[in-house]
Amino acid sequence: MSENPEENHPIPVRPEPAGSQKSGDEMTTARELIESFDPDAGFLLADGFDEALIGVVEAWFAGNIHSVVALYDTARCIQILMREGMDEEEANEYFEFNVTGAYVGEGTPAFATIYRQPDIRSVSDDF
């Protein structure tokens, strides 16, 4: 393991400018996180879905390509489309055809269906 932590970091990170650290109570948004990466890393972002951006995913993709790409919450993307005037069926169809069905080159974002476990207290109340 290298002494330099940046050499061990799987995602190319650009150095922080002096005085740019946030205080302990400020949260970094997913977009700020991605913008902190090296611009040569080639992150592609999905237009209009900033609210659905939840982070990055590192994986092996088709063609044996290791990559780190932007990660979006599918349900939030659908909600954004519905807020823009589509009904749920239209939003799902548009999303599947025009968003997840579009390969825009290396760095194409990934979309996740987030499964949330039920609250144990609410489940145990049913017994």
N, C-alpha and C. Protein backbone atom coordinates (compact mmCIF):
# COMPACT_ATOMS: atom_id res chain seq x y z
N MET A 1 0.84 -1.18 0.00
CA MET A 1 0.00 0.00 0.00
C MET A 1 0.88 1.23 0.00
N SER A 2 0.54 2.19 -0.81
CA SER A 2 1.35 3.38 -0.97
C SER A 2 1.17 4.33 0.20
N GLU A 3 2.20 5.13 0.45
CA GLU A 3 2.12 6.17 1.47
C GLU A 3 1.16 7.27 1.05
N ASN A 4 1.03 7.50 -0.26
CA ASN A 4 0.17 8.54 -0.79
C ASN A 4 -1.24 7.99 -0.93
N PRO A 5 -2.23 8.50 -0.13
CA PRO A 5 -3.59 7.95 -0.19
C PRO A 5 -4.24 8.12 -1.56
N GLU A 6 -3.85 9.15 -2.33
CA GLU A 6 -4.45 9.34 -3.65
C GLU A 6 -4.09 8.22 -4.60
N GLU A 7 -2.93 7.58 -4.40
CA GLU A 7 -2.53 6.49 -5.27
C GLU A 7 -3.39 5.26 -5.04
N ASN A 8 -4.00 5.12 -3.86
CA ASN A 8 -4.83 3.97 -3.53
C ASN A 8 -6.30 4.24 -3.77
N HIS A 9 -6.66 5.47 -4.09
CA HIS A 9 -8.05 5.84 -4.28
C HIS A 9 -8.51 5.33 -5.64
N PRO A 10 -9.63 4.60 -5.70
CA PRO A 10 -10.09 4.04 -6.97
C PRO A 10 -10.63 5.08 -7.93
N ILE A 11 -11.00 6.24 -7.44
CA ILE A 11 -11.59 7.28 -8.27
C ILE A 11 -10.59 8.43 -8.37
N PRO A 12 -10.27 8.88 -9.57
CA PRO A 12 -9.32 9.97 -9.70
C PRO A 12 -9.86 11.25 -9.08
N VAL A 13 -9.18 11.74 -8.06
CA VAL A 13 -9.65 12.90 -7.32
C VAL A 13 -8.73 14.08 -7.60
N ARG A 14 -9.36 15.22 -7.82
CA ARG A 14 -8.61 16.45 -8.03
C ARG A 14 -8.29 17.02 -6.65
N PRO A 15 -7.10 17.59 -6.42
CA PRO A 15 -6.76 18.15 -5.11
C PRO A 15 -7.71 19.28 -4.73
N GLU A 16 -8.03 19.36 -3.45
CA GLU A 16 -8.91 20.42 -2.95
C GLU A 16 -8.16 21.75 -2.93
N PRO A 17 -8.78 22.83 -3.42
CA PRO A 17 -8.14 24.14 -3.31
C PRO A 17 -8.03 24.53 -1.84
N ALA A 18 -6.99 25.26 -1.51
CA ALA A 18 -6.77 25.69 -0.12
C ALA A 18 -7.99 26.45 0.38
N GLY A 19 -8.40 26.15 1.60
CA GLY A 19 -9.53 26.83 2.23
C GLY A 19 -10.89 26.41 1.73
N SER A 20 -10.98 25.32 0.99
CA SER A 20 -12.28 24.92 0.43
C SER A 20 -12.97 23.85 1.25
N GLN A 21 -12.38 23.40 2.36
CA GLN A 21 -13.01 22.35 3.15
C GLN A 21 -14.29 22.88 3.79
N LYS A 22 -15.30 22.00 3.85
CA LYS A 22 -16.57 22.36 4.47
C LYS A 22 -16.49 22.12 5.96
N SER A 23 -17.31 22.84 6.70
CA SER A 23 -17.37 22.61 8.14
C SER A 23 -18.07 21.27 8.39
N GLY A 24 -17.94 20.73 9.56
CA GLY A 24 -18.46 19.42 9.88
C GLY A 24 -19.95 19.25 9.69
N ASP A 25 -20.73 20.35 9.73
CA ASP A 25 -22.18 20.21 9.61
C ASP A 25 -22.69 20.42 8.19
N GLU A 26 -21.81 20.73 7.24
CA GLU A 26 -22.22 20.89 5.85
C GLU A 26 -22.08 19.56 5.13
N MET A 27 -23.11 19.19 4.35
CA MET A 27 -23.06 17.95 3.60
C MET A 27 -22.65 18.24 2.16
N THR A 28 -21.92 17.32 1.59
CA THR A 28 -21.52 17.42 0.19
C THR A 28 -22.61 16.76 -0.65
N THR A 29 -23.04 17.45 -1.70
CA THR A 29 -24.03 16.85 -2.60
C THR A 29 -23.32 15.90 -3.54
N ALA A 30 -24.08 15.02 -4.16
CA ALA A 30 -23.50 14.07 -5.11
C ALA A 30 -22.85 14.82 -6.27
N ARG A 31 -23.47 15.91 -6.72
CA ARG A 31 -22.89 16.68 -7.83
C ARG A 31 -21.56 17.30 -7.39
N GLU A 32 -21.49 17.84 -6.19
CA GLU A 32 -20.23 18.40 -5.69
C GLU A 32 -19.16 17.31 -5.62
N LEU A 33 -19.56 16.11 -5.21
CA LEU A 33 -18.62 14.99 -5.15
C LEU A 33 -18.07 14.69 -6.53
N ILE A 34 -18.94 14.59 -7.51
CA ILE A 34 -18.50 14.28 -8.87
C ILE A 34 -17.65 15.42 -9.44
N GLU A 35 -18.03 16.66 -9.15
CA GLU A 35 -17.25 17.79 -9.65
C GLU A 35 -15.87 17.85 -9.00
N SER A 36 -15.69 17.19 -7.85
CA SER A 36 -14.39 17.18 -7.20
C SER A 36 -13.43 16.18 -7.84
N PHE A 37 -13.96 15.28 -8.68
CA PHE A 37 -13.11 14.30 -9.35
C PHE A 37 -12.33 14.97 -10.47
N ASP A 38 -11.31 14.32 -10.89
CA ASP A 38 -10.49 14.78 -11.99
C ASP A 38 -11.37 14.94 -13.24
N PRO A 39 -11.37 16.13 -13.87
CA PRO A 39 -12.22 16.33 -15.05
C PRO A 39 -11.88 15.36 -16.19
N ASP A 40 -10.68 14.83 -16.21
CA ASP A 40 -10.30 13.87 -17.24
C ASP A 40 -10.89 12.49 -17.00
N ALA A 41 -11.57 12.30 -15.84
CA ALA A 41 -12.16 10.99 -15.53
C ALA A 41 -13.33 10.67 -16.46
N GLY A 42 -13.91 11.68 -17.08
CA GLY A 42 -14.94 11.45 -18.09
C GLY A 42 -16.32 11.13 -17.56
N PHE A 43 -16.71 11.70 -16.42
CA PHE A 43 -18.06 11.47 -15.91
C PHE A 43 -19.07 12.15 -16.82
N LEU A 44 -20.08 11.39 -17.23
CA LEU A 44 -21.19 11.95 -17.97
C LEU A 44 -22.37 12.03 -17.01
N LEU A 45 -23.11 13.13 -17.08
CA LEU A 45 -24.26 13.32 -16.19
C LEU A 45 -25.53 13.35 -17.03
N ALA A 46 -26.62 12.88 -16.45
CA ALA A 46 -27.92 12.85 -17.13
C ALA A 46 -28.60 14.21 -16.95
N ASP A 47 -28.87 14.88 -18.05
CA ASP A 47 -29.49 16.21 -18.02
C ASP A 47 -30.86 16.17 -17.35
N GLY A 48 -31.07 17.11 -16.44
CA GLY A 48 -32.36 17.27 -15.80
C GLY A 48 -32.61 16.38 -14.59
N PHE A 49 -31.64 15.56 -14.23
CA PHE A 49 -31.86 14.62 -13.13
C PHE A 49 -30.93 14.86 -11.94
N ASP A 50 -30.49 16.09 -11.73
CA ASP A 50 -29.57 16.39 -10.63
C ASP A 50 -30.10 15.92 -9.27
N GLU A 51 -31.42 16.08 -9.05
CA GLU A 51 -32.01 15.69 -7.76
C GLU A 51 -31.95 14.18 -7.54
N ALA A 52 -31.79 13.42 -8.61
CA ALA A 52 -31.76 11.97 -8.52
C ALA A 52 -30.34 11.41 -8.45
N LEU A 53 -29.34 12.28 -8.58
CA LEU A 53 -27.94 11.87 -8.53
C LEU A 53 -27.60 11.47 -7.10
N ILE A 54 -27.19 10.21 -6.89
CA ILE A 54 -26.94 9.74 -5.53
C ILE A 54 -25.48 9.40 -5.27
N GLY A 55 -24.64 9.45 -6.29
CA GLY A 55 -23.23 9.17 -6.07
C GLY A 55 -22.58 8.59 -7.30
N VAL A 56 -21.63 7.71 -7.06
CA VAL A 56 -20.92 7.04 -8.15
C VAL A 56 -20.91 5.55 -7.89
N VAL A 57 -20.68 4.78 -8.95
CA VAL A 57 -20.56 3.34 -8.82
C VAL A 57 -19.31 2.93 -9.57
N GLU A 58 -18.56 2.03 -8.96
CA GLU A 58 -17.36 1.49 -9.58
C GLU A 58 -17.64 0.05 -9.93
N ALA A 59 -17.45 -0.31 -11.19
CA ALA A 59 -17.80 -1.67 -11.60
C ALA A 59 -17.06 -2.05 -12.87
N TRP A 60 -17.16 -3.34 -13.20
CA TRP A 60 -16.68 -3.86 -14.48
C TRP A 60 -17.88 -3.87 -15.41
N PHE A 61 -17.73 -3.26 -16.56
CA PHE A 61 -18.80 -3.16 -17.52
C PHE A 61 -18.51 -4.04 -18.73
N ALA A 62 -19.48 -4.15 -19.64
CA ALA A 62 -19.33 -4.97 -20.84
C ALA A 62 -18.03 -4.65 -21.54
N GLY A 63 -17.41 -5.67 -22.08
CA GLY A 63 -16.15 -5.48 -22.76
C GLY A 63 -14.97 -5.50 -21.80
N ASN A 64 -15.22 -5.97 -20.56
CA ASN A 64 -14.18 -6.06 -19.54
C ASN A 64 -13.55 -4.69 -19.26
N ILE A 65 -14.40 -3.66 -19.17
CA ILE A 65 -13.96 -2.30 -18.91
C ILE A 65 -14.27 -1.93 -17.47
N HIS A 66 -13.24 -1.56 -16.73
CA HIS A 66 -13.42 -1.10 -15.36
C HIS A 66 -13.64 0.40 -15.40
N SER A 67 -14.70 0.86 -14.76
CA SER A 67 -15.03 2.28 -14.84
C SER A 67 -15.75 2.74 -13.59
N VAL A 68 -15.71 4.03 -13.36
CA VAL A 68 -16.47 4.68 -12.29
C VAL A 68 -17.40 5.66 -12.99
N VAL A 69 -18.71 5.51 -12.74
CA VAL A 69 -19.71 6.34 -13.41
C VAL A 69 -20.68 6.94 -12.40
N ALA A 70 -21.36 8.00 -12.83
CA ALA A 70 -22.39 8.63 -12.00
C ALA A 70 -23.53 7.63 -11.77
N LEU A 71 -24.12 7.68 -10.59
CA LEU A 71 -25.21 6.77 -10.22
C LEU A 71 -26.45 7.56 -9.84
N TYR A 72 -27.56 7.19 -10.46
CA TYR A 72 -28.84 7.86 -10.23
C TYR A 72 -29.86 6.90 -9.64
N ASP A 73 -30.79 7.43 -8.85
CA ASP A 73 -31.91 6.67 -8.28
C ASP A 73 -33.05 6.68 -9.31
N THR A 74 -33.39 5.52 -9.84
CA THR A 74 -34.42 5.40 -10.87
C THR A 74 -35.76 5.98 -10.41
N ALA A 75 -36.19 5.67 -9.19
CA ALA A 75 -37.49 6.17 -8.71
C ALA A 75 -37.52 7.69 -8.68
N ARG A 76 -36.42 8.30 -8.27
CA ARG A 76 -36.37 9.77 -8.26
C ARG A 76 -36.42 10.33 -9.68
N CYS A 77 -35.78 9.66 -10.62
CA CYS A 77 -35.84 10.10 -12.03
C CYS A 77 -37.28 10.08 -12.53
N ILE A 78 -38.00 9.02 -12.22
CA ILE A 78 -39.41 8.89 -12.63
C ILE A 78 -40.23 10.01 -12.00
N GLN A 79 -39.98 10.30 -10.72
CA GLN A 79 -40.70 11.38 -10.04
C GLN A 79 -40.45 12.72 -10.72
N ILE A 80 -39.21 12.97 -11.13
CA ILE A 80 -38.87 14.22 -11.82
C ILE A 80 -39.66 14.33 -13.12
N LEU A 81 -39.71 13.24 -13.89
CA LEU A 81 -40.46 13.26 -15.15
C LEU A 81 -41.95 13.49 -14.90
N MET A 82 -42.48 12.91 -13.84
CA MET A 82 -43.90 13.10 -13.52
C MET A 82 -44.16 14.55 -13.09
N ARG A 83 -43.24 15.15 -12.38
CA ARG A 83 -43.37 16.56 -11.99
C ARG A 83 -43.40 17.46 -13.22
N GLU A 84 -42.75 17.00 -14.30
CA GLU A 84 -42.70 17.78 -15.53
C GLU A 84 -43.95 17.57 -16.39
N GLY A 85 -44.91 16.77 -15.91
CA GLY A 85 -46.19 16.65 -16.59
C GLY A 85 -46.53 15.29 -17.17
N MET A 86 -45.64 14.32 -17.07
CA MET A 86 -45.95 12.98 -17.58
C MET A 86 -46.71 12.19 -16.51
N ASP A 87 -47.59 11.30 -16.97
CA ASP A 87 -48.19 10.39 -16.00
C ASP A 87 -47.16 9.27 -15.75
N GLU A 88 -47.45 8.38 -14.81
CA GLU A 88 -46.46 7.36 -14.43
C GLU A 88 -46.08 6.45 -15.59
N GLU A 89 -47.06 6.03 -16.38
CA GLU A 89 -46.77 5.15 -17.52
C GLU A 89 -45.89 5.85 -18.56
N GLU A 90 -46.23 7.11 -18.88
CA GLU A 90 -45.41 7.88 -19.83
C GLU A 90 -43.99 8.07 -19.31
N ALA A 91 -43.88 8.38 -18.03
CA ALA A 91 -42.57 8.61 -17.43
C ALA A 91 -41.72 7.35 -17.48
N ASN A 92 -42.31 6.21 -17.15
CA ASN A 92 -41.56 4.94 -17.20
C ASN A 92 -41.13 4.62 -18.63
N GLU A 93 -42.04 4.79 -19.59
CA GLU A 93 -41.72 4.49 -20.98
C GLU A 93 -40.62 5.42 -21.50
N TYR A 94 -40.76 6.71 -21.22
CA TYR A 94 -39.75 7.68 -21.65
C TYR A 94 -38.40 7.34 -21.03
N PHE A 95 -38.40 7.05 -19.73
CA PHE A 95 -37.16 6.76 -19.01
C PHE A 95 -36.47 5.52 -19.58
N GLU A 96 -37.24 4.46 -19.79
CA GLU A 96 -36.66 3.22 -20.31
C GLU A 96 -36.10 3.39 -21.72
N PHE A 97 -36.79 4.13 -22.56
CA PHE A 97 -36.34 4.26 -23.95
C PHE A 97 -35.25 5.32 -24.11
N ASN A 98 -35.45 6.49 -23.50
CA ASN A 98 -34.58 7.64 -23.75
C ASN A 98 -33.45 7.83 -22.74
N VAL A 99 -33.56 7.20 -21.58
CA VAL A 99 -32.54 7.41 -20.56
C VAL A 99 -31.73 6.14 -20.34
N THR A 100 -32.34 5.11 -19.79
CA THR A 100 -31.58 3.88 -19.54
C THR A 100 -31.28 3.14 -20.84
N GLY A 101 -32.06 3.39 -21.88
CA GLY A 101 -31.83 2.73 -23.15
C GLY A 101 -30.82 3.44 -24.03
N ALA A 102 -30.27 4.55 -23.54
CA ALA A 102 -29.33 5.33 -24.35
C ALA A 102 -27.90 5.11 -23.88
N TYR A 103 -27.07 4.63 -24.79
CA TYR A 103 -25.64 4.53 -24.51
C TYR A 103 -25.00 5.75 -25.15
N VAL A 104 -24.35 6.58 -24.33
CA VAL A 104 -23.77 7.82 -24.84
C VAL A 104 -22.24 7.79 -24.78
N GLY A 105 -21.70 6.60 -24.74
CA GLY A 105 -20.25 6.45 -24.74
C GLY A 105 -19.71 6.03 -23.39
N GLU A 106 -18.39 5.88 -23.35
CA GLU A 106 -17.74 5.50 -22.10
C GLU A 106 -18.07 6.55 -21.04
N GLY A 107 -18.45 6.11 -19.87
CA GLY A 107 -18.85 7.03 -18.80
C GLY A 107 -20.34 7.23 -18.72
N THR A 108 -21.12 6.48 -19.56
CA THR A 108 -22.57 6.57 -19.50
C THR A 108 -23.02 6.29 -18.06
N PRO A 109 -23.88 7.15 -17.50
CA PRO A 109 -24.33 6.96 -16.11
C PRO A 109 -25.06 5.63 -15.90
N ALA A 110 -25.10 5.21 -14.64
CA ALA A 110 -25.84 4.01 -14.24
C ALA A 110 -27.06 4.44 -13.44
N PHE A 111 -28.09 3.60 -13.46
CA PHE A 111 -29.35 3.89 -12.77
C PHE A 111 -29.68 2.71 -11.88
N ALA A 112 -30.00 2.99 -10.61
CA ALA A 112 -30.24 1.93 -9.64
C ALA A 112 -31.67 1.97 -9.13
N THR A 113 -32.22 0.79 -8.91
CA THR A 113 -33.48 0.66 -8.20
C THR A 113 -33.10 0.40 -6.75
N ILE A 114 -33.46 1.31 -5.89
CA ILE A 114 -33.07 1.24 -4.48
C ILE A 114 -34.17 0.53 -3.70
N TYR A 115 -33.81 -0.59 -3.11
CA TYR A 115 -34.74 -1.31 -2.25
C TYR A 115 -34.44 -0.95 -0.81
N ARG A 116 -35.46 -0.50 -0.12
CA ARG A 116 -35.29 -0.09 1.27
C ARG A 116 -35.96 -1.13 2.16
N GLN A 117 -35.21 -1.58 3.16
CA GLN A 117 -35.77 -2.56 4.08
C GLN A 117 -36.86 -1.90 4.92
N PRO A 118 -37.90 -2.68 5.24
CA PRO A 118 -38.96 -2.10 6.09
C PRO A 118 -38.42 -1.85 7.49
N ASP A 119 -39.01 -0.90 8.15
CA ASP A 119 -38.66 -0.60 9.53
C ASP A 119 -39.08 -1.80 10.38
N ILE A 120 -38.14 -2.39 11.09
CA ILE A 120 -38.40 -3.60 11.89
C ILE A 120 -39.53 -3.36 12.89
N ARG A 121 -39.58 -2.18 13.47
CA ARG A 121 -40.63 -1.89 14.46
C ARG A 121 -42.02 -1.99 13.83
N SER A 122 -42.17 -1.46 12.60
CA SER A 122 -43.50 -1.50 11.97
C SER A 122 -43.88 -2.93 11.57
N VAL A 123 -42.91 -3.75 11.19
CA VAL A 123 -43.20 -5.13 10.83
C VAL A 123 -43.59 -5.93 12.07
N SER A 124 -42.87 -5.74 13.18
CA SER A 124 -43.15 -6.49 14.40
C SER A 124 -44.49 -6.11 15.00
N ASP A 125 -45.00 -4.91 14.71
CA ASP A 125 -46.30 -4.49 15.22
C ASP A 125 -47.43 -5.31 14.62
N ASP A 126 -47.18 -5.93 13.44
CA ASP A 126 -48.21 -6.72 12.77
C ASP A 126 -48.39 -8.11 13.40
N PHE A 127 -47.49 -8.52 14.27
CA PHE A 127 -47.56 -9.85 14.85
C PHE A 127 -48.17 -9.87 16.22
